[in-house]
Protein backbone atom coordinates (compact mmCIF):
# COMPACT_ATOMS: atom_id res chain seq x y z
CA MET A 1 -34.05 -7.11 30.48
CA ILE A 2 -30.49 -7.73 29.39
CA ASP A 3 -27.69 -7.63 31.95
CA ASP A 4 -24.79 -8.50 29.64
CA TYR A 5 -25.20 -7.55 26.00
CA THR A 6 -21.96 -9.30 25.01
CA GLN A 7 -23.39 -12.74 25.84
CA LEU A 8 -26.44 -12.46 23.58
CA ARG A 9 -26.97 -14.53 20.46
CA GLY A 10 -29.60 -14.82 17.76
CA ARG A 11 -32.69 -12.63 17.52
CA LYS A 12 -32.19 -10.93 20.89
CA ALA A 13 -28.69 -9.89 19.86
CA LEU A 14 -30.03 -8.43 16.61
CA ARG A 15 -32.75 -6.46 18.37
CA CYS A 16 -30.32 -5.16 20.98
CA SER A 17 -27.89 -4.15 18.22
CA GLN A 18 -30.73 -2.28 16.54
CA VAL A 19 -31.29 -0.32 19.76
CA LEU A 20 -27.59 0.34 20.28
CA ASP A 21 -27.10 1.50 16.68
CA ALA A 22 -30.00 3.91 17.05
CA ALA A 23 -28.82 5.13 20.45
CA SER A 24 -25.30 5.68 19.14
CA ILE A 25 -26.64 7.93 16.37
CA CYS A 26 -28.69 9.91 18.88
CA PHE A 27 -25.82 10.19 21.36
CA VAL A 28 -23.35 11.40 18.72
CA ASP A 29 -25.91 13.98 17.61
CA LYS A 30 -27.08 15.20 21.04
CA GLY A 31 -24.80 13.68 23.67
CA PHE A 32 -25.62 10.98 26.19
CA HIS A 33 -27.77 13.26 28.30
CA GLY A 34 -29.26 15.32 25.49
CA ALA A 35 -30.92 12.36 23.77
CA GLY A 36 -34.02 10.84 25.33
CA MET A 37 -35.52 7.38 25.17
CA ALA A 38 -38.31 8.59 22.87
CA GLU A 39 -35.73 9.78 20.33
CA ILE A 40 -33.84 6.50 20.56
CA ALA A 41 -37.07 4.57 20.05
CA ASP A 42 -37.95 6.69 17.03
CA GLN A 43 -34.50 6.17 15.50
CA ALA A 44 -34.71 2.42 16.18
CA GLN A 45 -38.26 2.27 14.79
CA MET A 46 -39.45 0.58 17.97
CA SER A 47 -41.79 1.53 20.77
CA THR A 48 -40.22 2.86 23.95
CA GLY A 49 -41.78 -0.06 25.80
CA HIS A 50 -40.08 -2.52 23.47
CA ILE A 51 -36.70 -0.95 24.24
CA TYR A 52 -37.36 -1.30 27.98
CA HIS A 53 -37.90 -5.00 27.35
CA TYR A 54 -34.19 -5.20 26.51
CA PHE A 55 -32.63 -2.39 28.54
CA ARG A 56 -33.59 -1.27 32.04
CA ASN A 57 -32.88 2.40 31.35
CA LYS A 58 -30.68 4.75 29.33
CA ASP A 59 -27.69 4.09 31.58
CA ALA A 60 -27.92 0.39 30.66
CA ILE A 61 -27.85 1.36 26.98
CA ILE A 62 -24.78 3.53 27.53
CA LYS A 63 -23.05 0.67 29.36
CA ALA A 64 -23.86 -1.74 26.53
CA ILE A 65 -22.47 0.70 23.95
CA VAL A 66 -19.21 0.95 25.90
CA LEU A 67 -18.94 -2.85 26.07
CA ARG A 68 -19.71 -3.16 22.36
CA GLU A 69 -17.09 -0.55 21.47
CA GLY A 70 -14.54 -2.51 23.47
CA GLN A 71 -15.41 -5.65 21.53
CA ARG A 72 -15.24 -3.80 18.21
CA VAL A 73 -11.74 -2.52 18.93
CA LEU A 74 -10.53 -5.97 20.03
CA GLU A 75 -11.79 -7.47 16.77
CA LEU A 76 -9.85 -4.84 14.81
CA VAL A 77 -6.72 -5.49 16.87
CA GLN A 78 -6.95 -9.23 16.16
CA GLU A 79 -6.30 -8.47 12.48
CA LEU A 80 -2.69 -7.84 13.47
CA ARG A 81 -2.31 -11.49 14.41
CA GLN A 82 -2.59 -12.51 10.75
CA LEU A 83 0.16 -10.15 9.56
CA PRO A 84 3.85 -10.85 9.07
CA ALA A 85 6.03 -8.55 11.15
CA ASP A 86 7.30 -6.62 8.14
CA SER A 87 3.74 -5.59 7.19
CA PHE A 88 2.78 -3.98 10.50
CA ALA A 89 3.83 -0.41 9.70
CA GLU A 90 2.11 -0.24 6.30
CA PHE A 91 -1.04 -1.87 7.70
CA LEU A 92 -1.25 0.74 10.47
CA ILE A 93 -0.57 3.57 8.02
CA ASP A 94 -3.45 2.35 5.85
CA ARG A 95 -5.71 2.11 8.91
CA LEU A 96 -4.88 5.64 9.99
CA ASP A 97 -5.47 6.95 6.46
CA GLU A 98 -8.91 5.32 6.54
CA HIS A 99 -9.51 6.94 9.92
CA LEU A 100 -8.87 10.39 8.49
CA ILE A 101 -11.27 10.12 5.55
CA GLY A 102 -13.91 7.50 6.44
CA ASP A 103 -17.43 8.50 7.45
CA GLU A 104 -17.77 5.43 9.66
CA THR A 105 -14.49 5.97 11.49
CA LEU A 106 -15.32 9.66 12.01
CA PHE A 107 -18.61 8.57 13.58
CA GLN A 108 -16.78 6.07 15.81
CA SER A 109 -14.34 8.77 16.89
CA ARG A 110 -17.19 11.07 17.87
CA LEU A 111 -18.87 8.25 19.78
CA SER A 112 -15.58 7.47 21.56
CA PHE A 113 -15.31 11.08 22.71
CA GLU A 114 -18.87 11.00 24.03
CA ILE A 115 -17.92 7.88 26.00
CA LEU A 116 -14.77 9.58 27.29
CA ALA A 117 -16.76 12.62 28.41
CA GLU A 118 -19.31 10.39 30.16
CA SER A 119 -16.51 8.55 31.96
CA GLN A 120 -15.61 11.82 33.72
CA ARG A 121 -19.11 11.91 35.25
CA ASN A 122 -19.90 8.23 35.70
CA PRO A 123 -17.49 6.01 37.71
CA GLU A 124 -19.01 2.81 36.29
CA ILE A 125 -18.37 3.94 32.72
CA ALA A 126 -14.86 5.03 33.73
CA GLY A 127 -14.23 1.53 35.08
CA LEU A 128 -15.51 -0.14 31.91
CA LEU A 129 -13.36 2.15 29.81
CA ARG A 130 -10.27 1.23 31.83
CA GLU A 131 -11.10 -2.47 31.40
CA ASN A 132 -11.50 -2.00 27.64
CA GLU A 133 -8.16 -0.21 27.43
CA SER A 134 -6.40 -2.81 29.58
CA ARG A 135 -7.69 -5.70 27.46
CA LYS A 136 -6.75 -3.96 24.23
CA THR A 137 -3.25 -3.17 25.47
CA GLU A 138 -2.71 -6.73 26.69
CA VAL A 139 -3.81 -8.23 23.36
CA ILE A 140 -1.60 -5.89 21.32
CA GLU A 141 1.41 -6.58 23.54
CA ASN A 142 0.89 -10.34 23.21
CA ILE A 143 0.62 -10.13 19.43
CA LEU A 144 3.74 -8.00 19.14
CA ARG A 145 5.69 -10.38 21.37
CA GLU A 146 4.73 -13.22 19.01
CA LYS A 147 6.05 -11.24 16.03
CA PHE A 148 9.04 -9.31 17.37
CA ASP A 149 11.99 -10.25 19.56
CA ARG A 150 12.25 -6.92 21.36
CA ASP A 151 12.28 -5.70 24.94
CA ASP A 152 10.50 -2.40 24.26
CA ILE A 153 7.08 -3.82 23.36
CA PRO A 154 5.23 -1.87 26.11
CA ASP A 155 6.77 1.37 24.81
CA ILE A 156 5.67 0.55 21.26
CA VAL A 157 2.10 -0.14 22.40
CA ASP A 158 2.03 3.08 24.41
CA ALA A 159 3.18 5.01 21.32
CA LEU A 160 0.52 3.34 19.15
CA ASN A 161 -2.25 4.05 21.66
CA THR A 162 -1.19 7.69 21.84
CA LEU A 163 -0.96 8.02 18.05
CA PHE A 164 -4.38 6.52 17.38
CA ALA A 165 -5.96 8.66 20.11
CA GLY A 166 -4.38 11.74 18.58
CA VAL A 167 -5.59 10.93 15.08
CA SER A 168 -9.09 10.30 16.45
CA ALA A 169 -9.04 13.68 18.17
CA SER A 170 -7.84 15.34 14.98
CA SER A 171 -10.58 13.75 12.89
CA VAL A 172 -13.24 14.95 15.33
CA ARG A 173 -11.78 18.46 15.51
CA LEU A 174 -11.25 18.93 11.77
CA GLY A 175 -13.91 16.64 10.32
CA LYS A 176 -13.51 14.60 7.15
CA THR A 177 -11.20 16.20 4.61
CA ASP A 178 -11.16 15.06 0.99
CA GLY A 179 -7.80 13.52 0.14
CA ALA A 180 -6.60 13.60 3.76
CA ARG A 181 -3.70 11.31 4.48
CA LEU A 182 -1.41 10.63 7.39
CA SER A 183 1.42 13.16 7.41
CA PRO A 184 4.84 12.11 6.06
CA ALA A 185 6.34 12.61 9.53
CA LEU A 186 3.89 10.17 11.14
CA ARG A 187 4.44 7.67 8.32
CA ARG A 188 8.18 7.81 9.00
CA PHE A 189 7.51 7.47 12.71
CA LEU A 190 5.52 4.25 12.24
CA ARG A 191 8.07 2.75 9.85
CA ASP A 192 10.89 3.60 12.25
CA LEU A 193 8.90 2.20 15.18
CA PHE A 194 8.75 -1.24 13.58
CA ALA A 195 12.12 -1.15 11.83
CA GLU A 196 14.47 -3.97 12.74
CA LYS A 197 16.72 -2.86 15.58
CA ARG A 198 20.40 -2.97 14.70
């Protein structure tokens, strides 16, 4: 059985990802406690026994999904490191536009809300979620300090975290809308947020 999914490589990592992908689909559809191991096994096209070879129980699968989501977000955040400072606002606007209309990002938003709901019931998941958020915030702050000579970096990061959380909530509540785009007011907000201070 796997204790730390994030350290896996090779074939084991692929098989575990197969289980986590299947479980994520089931959890988004039925919730963490509505989906059973048999359904996850069916979605993964594996036997239930094979899944238990990798994960001790459903709680271990949930924990691995939370860890994987944290990694996924950190990888997205690292894209900022490659950008010049004057491209930050437009990059984030494009990302938020994608969030409003993309099937994959809508799925990720729904999964994130399942994780958030589970964190209210499960202290271990709540702790992992706090660690994910802390790491993400630290990385964003470090990147922004490399790019901008400003003393309000923590405030900027707090605003970005709030904005992205709000857009995620909106996409889950309203679903995908053809032609949806970030509102002009939020576009102005992001451009003003990264405008050179005078």
